[in-house]
């Protein structure tokens, strides 16, 4: 079995971090690519110095909603925001109950 510490990939003299991300973009896309591309930036920070962007939080939030155990598994391999950070970001969203007028107007324009 391969341990998470054995999976670390480092940039060599021949290939920079930007080139590693560019190479991964050929095989993955969307939120997974955002996750992979944010790892070099986040690895340079200490645990308490990491600042998470909305893109950094979107994929782990989706995983947390689907399966908290999967998020724990991903957190062993990738640098991810904590569950507390993800919950805090959700509570800061302004969501009102009922119908969203902007959403209804947008859907009305698309139907026309």
Protein backbone atom coordinates (compact mmCIF):
# COMPACT_ATOMS: atom_id res chain seq x y z
CA UNK A 1 0.00 0.00 0.00
CA UNK A 2 1.29 3.47 -0.89
CA UNK A 3 1.36 5.99 1.94
CA UNK A 4 0.31 9.60 1.43
CA UNK A 5 3.85 10.77 2.20
CA UNK A 6 5.16 8.77 -0.75
CA UNK A 7 2.80 10.53 -3.16
CA UNK A 8 4.42 13.95 -2.85
CA UNK A 9 5.58 15.30 -6.20
CA UNK A 10 8.25 17.97 -6.26
CA UNK A 11 9.36 20.21 -9.08
CA UNK A 12 12.78 19.39 -10.46
CA UNK A 13 15.20 21.61 -12.33
CA UNK A 14 13.72 20.43 -15.64
CA UNK A 15 10.09 21.05 -14.69
CA UNK A 16 8.76 23.99 -12.70
CA UNK A 17 5.60 24.02 -10.60
CA UNK A 18 3.79 25.97 -13.32
CA UNK A 19 4.70 23.29 -15.83
CA UNK A 20 3.42 20.57 -13.48
CA UNK A 21 0.08 22.35 -13.22
CA UNK A 22 -0.03 22.85 -16.99
CA UNK A 23 0.64 19.14 -17.55
CA UNK A 24 -2.13 18.20 -15.09
CA UNK A 25 -4.56 20.51 -16.93
CA UNK A 26 -4.40 18.14 -19.89
CA UNK A 27 -5.82 15.32 -17.77
CA UNK A 28 -8.15 17.01 -15.27
CA UNK A 29 -10.43 20.05 -15.33
CA UNK A 30 -12.82 22.12 -13.24
CA UNK A 31 -12.73 22.00 -9.44
CA UNK A 32 -10.18 19.18 -9.42
CA UNK A 33 -7.76 21.34 -11.41
CA UNK A 34 -8.35 24.23 -8.99
CA UNK A 35 -7.49 21.90 -6.12
CA UNK A 36 -4.27 20.68 -7.76
CA UNK A 37 -3.17 24.16 -8.84
CA UNK A 38 -3.69 25.62 -5.35
CA UNK A 39 -1.47 23.03 -3.63
CA UNK A 40 1.94 24.61 -4.45
CA UNK A 41 0.73 28.02 -3.25
CA UNK A 42 -0.68 26.63 -0.01
CA UNK A 43 2.31 24.41 0.75
CA UNK A 44 4.51 27.49 1.24
CA UNK A 45 2.36 28.69 4.16
CA UNK A 46 2.19 27.50 7.74
CA UNK A 47 -0.98 25.80 8.98
CA UNK A 48 -2.35 28.98 10.50
CA UNK A 49 -1.19 31.26 7.67
CA UNK A 50 -3.20 29.67 4.88
CA UNK A 51 -5.86 31.82 3.29
CA UNK A 52 -8.53 29.96 1.39
CA UNK A 53 -10.15 31.41 -1.73
CA UNK A 54 -13.72 30.63 -2.76
CA UNK A 55 -12.37 28.21 -5.37
CA UNK A 56 -10.25 26.49 -2.70
CA UNK A 57 -13.35 25.94 -0.57
CA UNK A 58 -15.87 24.95 -3.26
CA UNK A 59 -14.59 21.43 -4.00
CA UNK A 60 -14.03 20.40 -0.34
CA UNK A 61 -17.47 21.81 0.52
CA UNK A 62 -19.05 19.63 -2.15
CA UNK A 63 -17.14 16.60 -0.84
CA UNK A 64 -18.15 17.39 2.76
CA UNK A 65 -21.79 17.57 1.71
CA UNK A 66 -21.52 14.24 -0.13
CA UNK A 67 -19.39 12.29 2.34
CA UNK A 68 -17.47 13.60 5.37
CA UNK A 69 -15.35 10.43 5.41
CA UNK A 70 -14.18 11.12 1.86
CA UNK A 71 -13.15 14.61 2.93
CA UNK A 72 -11.05 13.10 5.74
CA UNK A 73 -9.39 10.80 3.21
CA UNK A 74 -8.69 13.69 0.80
CA UNK A 75 -7.29 15.77 3.69
CA UNK A 76 -4.60 13.13 4.22
CA UNK A 77 -3.32 13.67 0.68
CA UNK A 78 -4.20 17.30 -0.13
CA UNK A 79 -4.08 20.56 1.81
CA UNK A 80 -7.75 21.31 2.45
CA UNK A 81 -9.63 23.75 4.67
CA UNK A 82 -10.89 22.31 7.94
CA UNK A 83 -14.51 21.32 8.43
CA UNK A 84 -14.92 24.26 10.80
CA UNK A 85 -13.66 26.66 8.10
CA UNK A 86 -16.08 25.18 5.57
CA UNK A 87 -19.03 25.46 7.98
CA UNK A 88 -18.07 29.05 8.81
CA UNK A 89 -17.99 29.99 5.12
CA UNK A 90 -21.47 28.53 4.61
CA UNK A 91 -22.92 30.43 7.58
CA UNK A 92 -21.60 33.70 6.14
CA UNK A 93 -23.65 33.26 2.96
CA UNK A 94 -26.72 35.47 2.78
CA UNK A 95 -29.54 33.18 1.77
CA UNK A 96 -33.14 34.26 2.29
CA UNK A 97 -36.08 31.89 2.50
CA UNK A 98 -38.62 31.83 -0.28
CA UNK A 99 -38.25 32.67 -3.94
CA UNK A 100 -35.16 34.49 -5.16
CA UNK A 101 -36.36 37.31 -7.41
CA UNK A 102 -33.01 37.60 -9.25
CA UNK A 103 -33.04 33.88 -10.03
CA UNK A 104 -36.61 34.04 -11.30
CA UNK A 105 -35.82 37.06 -13.50
CA UNK A 106 -32.79 35.32 -14.95
CA UNK A 107 -34.74 32.16 -15.72
CA UNK A 108 -37.52 34.25 -17.29
CA UNK A 109 -34.96 35.90 -19.63
CA UNK A 110 -33.57 32.51 -20.63
CA UNK A 111 -37.04 31.20 -21.47
CA UNK A 112 -37.79 34.11 -23.80
